[in-house]
Amino acid sequence: MTENITATLAKFIAEKILKQANKVITPDESLISSGLIDSFSLMDLALFIEDTFNVRIEDTELNAQTFDNLSQLTELITSRQ
């Protein structure tokens, strides 16, 4: 189950945010702190997570401590499902 969540997130980030469909994003790769995604993309990602996985993301969680890699995001999603 968690592998599917991680793969779905990676695909969305690569295709929709980075516009690089072949980009491989590893589960522990930094998204925010590395500059891979910016604050606008972070909002897009949060909305995608809410819509796709039916979980609520608080505005205070949109930071590098919560959203910096796919592993953190997957853990957040599974804890709320």
PDB file of N, CA and C in Angstrom:
ATOM      1  N   MET A   1       0.821  -1.199   0.000  1.00  0.00           N
ATOM      2  CA  MET A   1       0.000   0.000   0.000  1.00  0.00           C
ATOM      3  C   MET A   1       0.862   1.258   0.000  1.00  0.00           C
ATOM      4  N   THR A   2       1.861   1.308   0.902  1.00  0.00           N
ATOM      5  CA  THR A   2       2.687   2.513   0.966  1.00  0.00           C
ATOM      6  C   THR A   2       3.509   2.710  -0.303  1.00  0.00           C
ATOM      7  N   GLU A   3       3.895   1.601  -0.959  1.00  0.00           N
ATOM      8  CA  GLU A   3       4.642   1.725  -2.206  1.00  0.00           C
ATOM      9  C   GLU A   3       3.784   2.396  -3.275  1.00  0.00           C
ATOM     10  N   ASN A   4       2.495   2.077  -3.284  1.00  0.00           N
ATOM     11  CA  ASN A   4       1.585   2.690  -4.251  1.00  0.00           C
ATOM     12  C   ASN A   4       1.444   4.188  -3.995  1.00  0.00           C
ATOM     13  N   ILE A   5       1.354   4.566  -2.736  1.00  0.00           N
ATOM     14  CA  ILE A   5       1.247   5.986  -2.389  1.00  0.00           C
ATOM     15  C   ILE A   5       2.500   6.721  -2.840  1.00  0.00           C
ATOM     16  N   THR A   6       3.659   6.170  -2.500  1.00  0.00           N
ATOM     17  CA  THR A   6       4.931   6.794  -2.871  1.00  0.00           C
ATOM     18  C   THR A   6       5.058   6.915  -4.379  1.00  0.00           C
ATOM     19  N   ALA A   7       4.705   5.865  -5.101  1.00  0.00           N
ATOM     20  CA  ALA A   7       4.784   5.882  -6.569  1.00  0.00           C
ATOM     21  C   ALA A   7       3.828   6.913  -7.166  1.00  0.00           C
ATOM     22  N   THR A   8       2.628   7.021  -6.613  1.00  0.00           N
ATOM     23  CA  THR A   8       1.653   8.000  -7.095  1.00  0.00           C
ATOM     24  C   THR A   8       2.159   9.423  -6.878  1.00  0.00           C
ATOM     25  N   LEU A   9       2.729   9.672  -5.708  1.00  0.00           N
ATOM     26  CA  LEU A   9       3.279  10.997  -5.414  1.00  0.00           C
ATOM     27  C   LEU A   9       4.450  11.324  -6.345  1.00  0.00           C
ATOM     28  N   ALA A  10       5.348  10.377  -6.522  1.00  0.00           N
ATOM     29  CA  ALA A  10       6.514  10.587  -7.382  1.00  0.00           C
ATOM     30  C   ALA A  10       6.081  10.892  -8.817  1.00  0.00           C
ATOM     31  N   LYS A  11       5.096  10.156  -9.291  1.00  0.00           N
ATOM     32  CA  LYS A  11       4.609  10.366 -10.662  1.00  0.00           C
ATOM     33  C   LYS A  11       3.989  11.752 -10.803  1.00  0.00           C
ATOM     34  N   PHE A  12       3.171  12.158  -9.845  1.00  0.00           N
ATOM     35  CA  PHE A  12       2.546  13.476  -9.900  1.00  0.00           C
ATOM     36  C   PHE A  12       3.597  14.584  -9.900  1.00  0.00           C
ATOM     37  N   ILE A  13       4.580  14.479  -9.005  1.00  0.00           N
ATOM     38  CA  ILE A  13       5.617  15.514  -8.924  1.00  0.00           C
ATOM     39  C   ILE A  13       6.403  15.584 -10.225  1.00  0.00           C
ATOM     40  N   ALA A  14       6.814  14.430 -10.740  1.00  0.00           N
ATOM     41  CA  ALA A  14       7.609  14.399 -11.975  1.00  0.00           C
ATOM     42  C   ALA A  14       6.831  14.940 -13.168  1.00  0.00           C
ATOM     43  N   GLU A  15       5.602  14.472 -13.341  1.00  0.00           N
ATOM     44  CA  GLU A  15       4.831  14.839 -14.527  1.00  0.00           C
ATOM     45  C   GLU A  15       4.184  16.209 -14.447  1.00  0.00           C
ATOM     46  N   LYS A  16       3.545  16.505 -13.343  1.00  0.00           N
ATOM     47  CA  LYS A  16       2.728  17.721 -13.244  1.00  0.00           C
ATOM     48  C   LYS A  16       3.473  18.925 -12.697  1.00  0.00           C
ATOM     49  N   ILE A  17       4.385  18.699 -11.770  1.00  0.00           N
ATOM     50  CA  ILE A  17       5.100  19.832 -11.170  1.00  0.00           C
ATOM     51  C   ILE A  17       6.399  20.116 -11.913  1.00  0.00           C
ATOM     52  N   LEU A  18       7.213  19.085 -12.108  1.00  0.00           N
ATOM     53  CA  LEU A  18       8.514  19.288 -12.752  1.00  0.00           C
ATOM     54  C   LEU A  18       8.442  19.230 -14.274  1.00  0.00           C
ATOM     55  N   LYS A  19       7.343  18.681 -14.812  1.00  0.00           N
ATOM     56  CA  LYS A  19       7.175  18.522 -16.264  1.00  0.00           C
ATOM     57  C   LYS A  19       8.292  17.683 -16.865  1.00  0.00           C
ATOM     58  N   GLN A  20       8.724  16.677 -16.097  1.00  0.00           N
ATOM     59  CA  GLN A  20       9.771  15.764 -16.535  1.00  0.00           C
ATOM     60  C   GLN A  20       9.295  14.339 -16.241  1.00  0.00           C
ATOM     61  N   ALA A  21       8.507  13.796 -17.124  1.00  0.00           N
ATOM     62  CA  ALA A  21       7.861  12.502 -16.893  1.00  0.00           C
ATOM     63  C   ALA A  21       8.846  11.379 -16.561  1.00  0.00           C
ATOM     64  N   ASN A  22      10.065  11.460 -17.048  1.00  0.00           N
ATOM     65  CA  ASN A  22      11.046  10.398 -16.814  1.00  0.00           C
ATOM     66  C   ASN A  22      11.900  10.627 -15.577  1.00  0.00           C
ATOM     67  N   LYS A  23      11.666  11.721 -14.875  1.00  0.00           N
ATOM     68  CA  LYS A  23      12.439  12.032 -13.667  1.00  0.00           C
ATOM     69  C   LYS A  23      12.139  11.005 -12.577  1.00  0.00           C
ATOM     70  N   VAL A  24      13.184  10.435 -12.003  1.00  0.00           N
ATOM     71  CA  VAL A  24      13.040   9.473 -10.918  1.00  0.00           C
ATOM     72  C   VAL A  24      13.261  10.218  -9.602  1.00  0.00           C
ATOM     73  N   ILE A  25      12.269  10.131  -8.731  1.00  0.00           N
ATOM     74  CA  ILE A  25      12.369  10.771  -7.422  1.00  0.00           C
ATOM     75  C   ILE A  25      12.401   9.663  -6.380  1.00  0.00           C
ATOM     76  N   THR A  26      13.491   9.591  -5.631  1.00  0.00           N
ATOM     77  CA  THR A  26      13.629   8.548  -4.623  1.00  0.00           C
ATOM     78  C   THR A  26      12.837   8.923  -3.371  1.00  0.00           C
ATOM     79  N   PRO A  27      12.459   7.946  -2.566  1.00  0.00           N
ATOM     80  CA  PRO A  27      11.651   8.225  -1.376  1.00  0.00           C
ATOM     81  C   PRO A  27      12.295   9.194  -0.382  1.00  0.00           C
ATOM     82  N   ASP A  28      13.616   9.232  -0.323  1.00  0.00           N
ATOM     83  CA  ASP A  28      14.290  10.105   0.644  1.00  0.00           C
ATOM     84  C   ASP A  28      14.890  11.363   0.021  1.00  0.00           C
ATOM     85  N   GLU A  29      14.630  11.592  -1.246  1.00  0.00           N
ATOM     86  CA  GLU A  29      15.153  12.787  -1.917  1.00  0.00           C
ATOM     87  C   GLU A  29      14.447  14.039  -1.401  1.00  0.00           C
ATOM     88  N   SER A  30      15.230  15.042  -1.057  1.00  0.00           N
ATOM     89  CA  SER A  30      14.666  16.295  -0.545  1.00  0.00           C
ATOM     90  C   SER A  30      13.914  17.024  -1.645  1.00  0.00           C
ATOM     91  N   LEU A  31      12.708  17.444  -1.329  1.00  0.00           N
ATOM     92  CA  LEU A  31      11.879  18.149  -2.299  1.00  0.00           C
ATOM     93  C   LEU A  31      11.953  19.657  -2.092  1.00  0.00           C
ATOM     94  N   ILE A  32      11.761  20.093  -0.863  1.00  0.00           N
ATOM     95  CA  ILE A  32      11.714  21.524  -0.568  1.00  0.00           C
ATOM     96  C   ILE A  32      13.102  22.072  -0.277  1.00  0.00           C
ATOM     97  N   SER A  33      13.806  21.435   0.659  1.00  0.00           N
ATOM     98  CA  SER A  33      15.114  21.970   1.078  1.00  0.00           C
ATOM     99  C   SER A  33      16.140  21.971  -0.051  1.00  0.00           C
ATOM    100  N   SER A  34      15.948  21.107  -1.055  1.00  0.00           N
ATOM    101  CA  SER A  34      16.862  21.082  -2.195  1.00  0.00           C
ATOM    102  C   SER A  34      16.452  22.079  -3.274  1.00  0.00           C
ATOM    103  N   GLY A  35      15.225  22.626  -3.147  1.00  0.00           N
ATOM    104  CA  GLY A  35      14.726  23.544  -4.161  1.00  0.00           C
ATOM    105  C   GLY A  35      14.057  22.848  -5.332  1.00  0.00           C
ATOM    106  N   LEU A  36      13.855  21.542  -5.232  1.00  0.00           N
ATOM    107  CA  LEU A  36      13.217  20.801  -6.323  1.00  0.00           C
ATOM    108  C   LEU A  36      11.796  21.316  -6.568  1.00  0.00           C
ATOM    109  N   ILE A  37      11.064  21.594  -5.484  1.00  0.00           N
ATOM    110  CA  ILE A  37       9.744  22.204  -5.634  1.00  0.00           C
ATOM    111  C   ILE A  37       9.680  23.490  -4.814  1.00  0.00           C
ATOM    112  N   ASP A  38       8.898  24.448  -5.300  1.00  0.00           N
ATOM    113  CA  ASP A  38       8.772  25.742  -4.619  1.00  0.00           C
ATOM    114  C   ASP A  38       7.442  25.824  -3.871  1.00  0.00           C
ATOM    115  N   SER A  39       7.165  26.969  -3.281  1.00  0.00           N
ATOM    116  CA  SER A  39       5.966  27.121  -2.455  1.00  0.00           C
ATOM    117  C   SER A  39       4.671  26.983  -3.264  1.00  0.00           C
ATOM    118  N   PHE A  40       4.679  27.438  -4.501  1.00  0.00           N
ATOM    119  CA  PHE A  40       3.487  27.285  -5.339  1.00  0.00           C
ATOM    120  C   PHE A  40       3.236  25.808  -5.645  1.00  0.00           C
ATOM    121  N   SER A  41       4.292  25.103  -5.967  1.00  0.00           N
ATOM    122  CA  SER A  41       4.187  23.673  -6.246  1.00  0.00           C
ATOM    123  C   SER A  41       3.787  22.902  -4.995  1.00  0.00           C
ATOM    124  N   LEU A  42       4.204  23.387  -3.857  1.00  0.00           N
ATOM    125  CA  LEU A  42       3.846  22.754  -2.591  1.00  0.00           C
ATOM    126  C   LEU A  42       2.335  22.780  -2.380  1.00  0.00           C
ATOM    127  N   MET A  43       1.717  23.884  -2.718  1.00  0.00           N
ATOM    128  CA  MET A  43       0.258  23.989  -2.611  1.00  0.00           C
ATOM    129  C   MET A  43      -0.419  23.025  -3.583  1.00  0.00           C
ATOM    130  N   ASP A  44       0.090  22.936  -4.806  1.00  0.00           N
ATOM    131  CA  ASP A  44      -0.458  21.999  -5.787  1.00  0.00           C
ATOM    132  C   ASP A  44      -0.359  20.559  -5.276  1.00  0.00           C
ATOM    133  N   LEU A  45       0.779  20.250  -4.672  1.00  0.00           N
ATOM    134  CA  LEU A  45       0.995  18.912  -4.132  1.00  0.00           C
ATOM    135  C   LEU A  45       0.032  18.632  -2.977  1.00  0.00           C
ATOM    136  N   ALA A  46      -0.150  19.600  -2.104  1.00  0.00           N
ATOM    137  CA  ALA A  46      -1.068  19.432  -0.973  1.00  0.00           C
ATOM    138  C   ALA A  46      -2.495  19.188  -1.457  1.00  0.00           C
ATOM    139  N   LEU A  47      -2.924  19.946  -2.449  1.00  0.00           N
ATOM    140  CA  LEU A  47      -4.272  19.768  -2.998  1.00  0.00           C
ATOM    141  C   LEU A  47      -4.424  18.401  -3.663  1.00  0.00           C
ATOM    142  N   PHE A  48      -3.389  17.980  -4.366  1.00  0.00           N
ATOM    143  CA  PHE A  48      -3.399  16.654  -4.997  1.00  0.00           C
ATOM    144  C   PHE A  48      -3.539  15.563  -3.930  1.00  0.00           C
ATOM    145  N   ILE A  49      -2.789  15.687  -2.853  1.00  0.00           N
ATOM    146  CA  ILE A  49      -2.848  14.698  -1.773  1.00  0.00           C
ATOM    147  C   ILE A  49      -4.244  14.661  -1.161  1.00  0.00           C
ATOM    148  N   GLU A  50      -4.802  15.826  -0.898  1.00  0.00           N
ATOM    149  CA  GLU A  50      -6.142  15.875  -0.306  1.00  0.00           C
ATOM    150  C   GLU A  50      -7.182  15.231  -1.219  1.00  0.00           C
ATOM    151  N   ASP A  51      -7.120  15.555  -2.495  1.00  0.00           N
ATOM    152  CA  ASP A  51      -8.095  15.030  -3.454  1.00  0.00           C
ATOM    153  C   ASP A  51      -7.907  13.540  -3.738  1.00  0.00           C
ATOM    154  N   THR A  52      -6.674  13.124  -3.883  1.00  0.00           N
ATOM    155  CA  THR A  52      -6.382  11.742  -4.276  1.00  0.00           C
ATOM    156  C   THR A  52      -6.531  10.761  -3.126  1.00  0.00           C
ATOM    157  N   PHE A  53      -6.055  11.149  -1.946  1.00  0.00           N
ATOM    158  CA  PHE A  53      -6.028  10.218  -0.822  1.00  0.00           C
ATOM    159  C   PHE A  53      -7.074  10.523   0.243  1.00  0.00           C
ATOM    160  N   ASN A  54      -7.871  11.557  -0.001  1.00  0.00           N
ATOM    161  CA  ASN A  54      -8.958  11.923   0.908  1.00  0.00           C
ATOM    162  C   ASN A  54      -8.470  12.155   2.345  1.00  0.00           C
ATOM    163  N   VAL A  55      -7.401  12.936   2.462  1.00  0.00           N
ATOM    164  CA  VAL A  55      -6.880  13.327   3.774  1.00  0.00           C
ATOM    165  C   VAL A  55      -6.791  14.842   3.832  1.00  0.00           C
ATOM    166  N   ARG A  56      -6.816  15.367   5.023  1.00  0.00           N
ATOM    167  CA  ARG A  56      -6.747  16.818   5.231  1.00  0.00           C
ATOM    168  C   ARG A  56      -5.317  17.200   5.580  1.00  0.00           C
ATOM    169  N   ILE A  57      -4.802  18.228   4.891  1.00  0.00           N
ATOM    170  CA  ILE A  57      -3.476  18.765   5.162  1.00  0.00           C
ATOM    171  C   ILE A  57      -3.672  20.168   5.740  1.00  0.00           C
ATOM    172  N   GLU A  58      -3.138  20.404   6.903  1.00  0.00           N
ATOM    173  CA  GLU A  58      -3.229  21.720   7.530  1.00  0.00           C
ATOM    174  C   GLU A  58      -2.188  22.655   6.907  1.00  0.00           C
ATOM    175  N   ASP A  59      -2.510  23.932   6.823  1.00  0.00           N
ATOM    176  CA  ASP A  59      -1.572  24.921   6.276  1.00  0.00           C
ATOM    177  C   ASP A  59      -0.254  24.920   7.039  1.00  0.00           C
ATOM    178  N   THR A  60      -0.308  24.691   8.332  1.00  0.00           N
ATOM    179  CA  THR A  60       0.911  24.693   9.153  1.00  0.00           C
ATOM    180  C   THR A  60       1.832  23.512   8.844  1.00  0.00           C
ATOM    181  N   GLU A  61       1.313  22.517   8.133  1.00  0.00           N
ATOM    182  CA  GLU A  61       2.120  21.348   7.776  1.00  0.00           C
ATOM    183  C   GLU A  61       2.867  21.518   6.453  1.00  0.00           C
ATOM    184  N   LEU A  62       2.611  22.597   5.758  1.00  0.00           N
ATOM    185  CA  LEU A  62       3.259  22.823   4.460  1.00  0.00           C
ATOM    186  C   LEU A  62       4.653  23.406   4.673  1.00  0.00           C
ATOM    187  N   ASN A  63       5.565  22.551   5.097  1.00  0.00           N
ATOM    188  CA  ASN A  63       6.937  22.983   5.369  1.00  0.00           C
ATOM    189  C   ASN A  63       7.891  21.806   5.155  1.00  0.00           C
ATOM    190  N   ALA A  64       9.162  22.099   5.233  1.00  0.00           N
ATOM    191  CA  ALA A  64      10.177  21.079   4.969  1.00  0.00           C
ATOM    192  C   ALA A  64      10.210  19.987   6.033  1.00  0.00           C
ATOM    193  N   GLN A  65       9.700  20.252   7.211  1.00  0.00           N
ATOM    194  CA  GLN A  65       9.688  19.227   8.260  1.00  0.00           C
ATOM    195  C   GLN A  65       8.656  18.136   7.968  1.00  0.00           C
ATOM    196  N   THR A  66       7.594  18.478   7.272  1.00  0.00           N
ATOM    197  CA  THR A  66       6.517  17.534   6.996  1.00  0.00           C
ATOM    198  C   THR A  66       6.517  17.055   5.546  1.00  0.00           C
ATOM    199  N   PHE A  67       6.883  17.930   4.636  1.00  0.00           N
ATOM    200  CA  PHE A  67       6.714  17.681   3.196  1.00  0.00           C
ATOM    201  C   PHE A  67       8.027  17.553   2.439  1.00  0.00           C
ATOM    202  N   ASP A  68       9.140  17.282   3.100  1.00  0.00           N
ATOM    203  CA  ASP A  68      10.409  17.368   2.382  1.00  0.00           C
ATOM    204  C   ASP A  68      10.776  16.144   1.561  1.00  0.00           C
ATOM    205  N   ASN A  69      10.150  15.003   1.802  1.00  0.00           N
ATOM    206  CA  ASN A  69      10.444  13.859   0.942  1.00  0.00           C
ATOM    207  C   ASN A  69       9.232  12.930   0.852  1.00  0.00           C
ATOM    208  N   LEU A  70       9.294  12.018  -0.063  1.00  0.00           N
ATOM    209  CA  LEU A  70       8.164  11.129  -0.313  1.00  0.00           C
ATOM    210  C   LEU A  70       7.887  10.209   0.864  1.00  0.00           C
ATOM    211  N   SER A  71       8.915   9.831   1.587  1.00  0.00           N
ATOM    212  CA  SER A  71       8.720   8.970   2.761  1.00  0.00           C
ATOM    213  C   SER A  71       7.891   9.686   3.821  1.00  0.00           C
ATOM    214  N   GLN A  72       8.207  10.955   4.075  1.00  0.00           N
ATOM    215  CA  GLN A  72       7.435  11.737   5.047  1.00  0.00           C
ATOM    216  C   GLN A  72       5.987  11.891   4.594  1.00  0.00           C
ATOM    217  N   LEU A  73       5.802  12.183   3.345  1.00  0.00           N
ATOM    218  CA  LEU A  73       4.452  12.367   2.813  1.00  0.00           C
ATOM    219  C   LEU A  73       3.640  11.074   2.891  1.00  0.00           C
ATOM    220  N   THR A  74       4.256   9.971   2.546  1.00  0.00           N
ATOM    221  CA  THR A  74       3.576   8.681   2.603  1.00  0.00           C
ATOM    222  C   THR A  74       3.173   8.356   4.035  1.00  0.00           C
ATOM    223  N   GLU A  75       4.066   8.620   4.970  1.00  0.00           N
ATOM    224  CA  GLU A  75       3.764   8.366   6.380  1.00  0.00           C
ATOM    225  C   GLU A  75       2.591   9.235   6.850  1.00  0.00           C
ATOM    226  N   LEU A  76       2.605  10.496   6.452  1.00  0.00           N
ATOM    227  CA  LEU A  76       1.519  11.412   6.810  1.00  0.00           C
ATOM    228  C   LEU A  76       0.180  10.921   6.255  1.00  0.00           C
ATOM    229  N   ILE A  77       0.182  10.518   5.000  1.00  0.00           N
ATOM    230  CA  ILE A  77      -1.044  10.046   4.352  1.00  0.00           C
ATOM    231  C   ILE A  77      -1.563   8.774   5.036  1.00  0.00           C
ATOM    232  N   THR A  78      -0.705   7.793   5.237  1.00  0.00           N
ATOM    233  CA  THR A  78      -1.158   6.535   5.832  1.00  0.00           C
ATOM    234  C   THR A  78      -1.643   6.728   7.265  1.00  0.00           C
ATOM    235  N   SER A  79      -1.082   7.682   7.990  1.00  0.00           N
ATOM    236  CA  SER A  79      -1.515   7.910   9.379  1.00  0.00           C
ATOM    237  C   SER A  79      -2.910   8.525   9.435  1.00  0.00           C
ATOM    238  N   ARG A  80      -3.373   9.093   8.316  1.00  0.00           N
ATOM    239  CA  ARG A  80      -4.670   9.770   8.304  1.00  0.00           C
ATOM    240  C   ARG A  80      -5.750   9.006   7.546  1.00  0.00           C
ATOM    241  N   GLN A  81      -5.391   7.898   6.965  1.00  0.00           N
ATOM    242  CA  GLN A  81      -6.396   7.148   6.206  1.00  0.00           C
ATOM    243  C   GLN A  81      -7.153   6.183   7.109  1.00  0.00           C
TER     244      GLN A  81
END
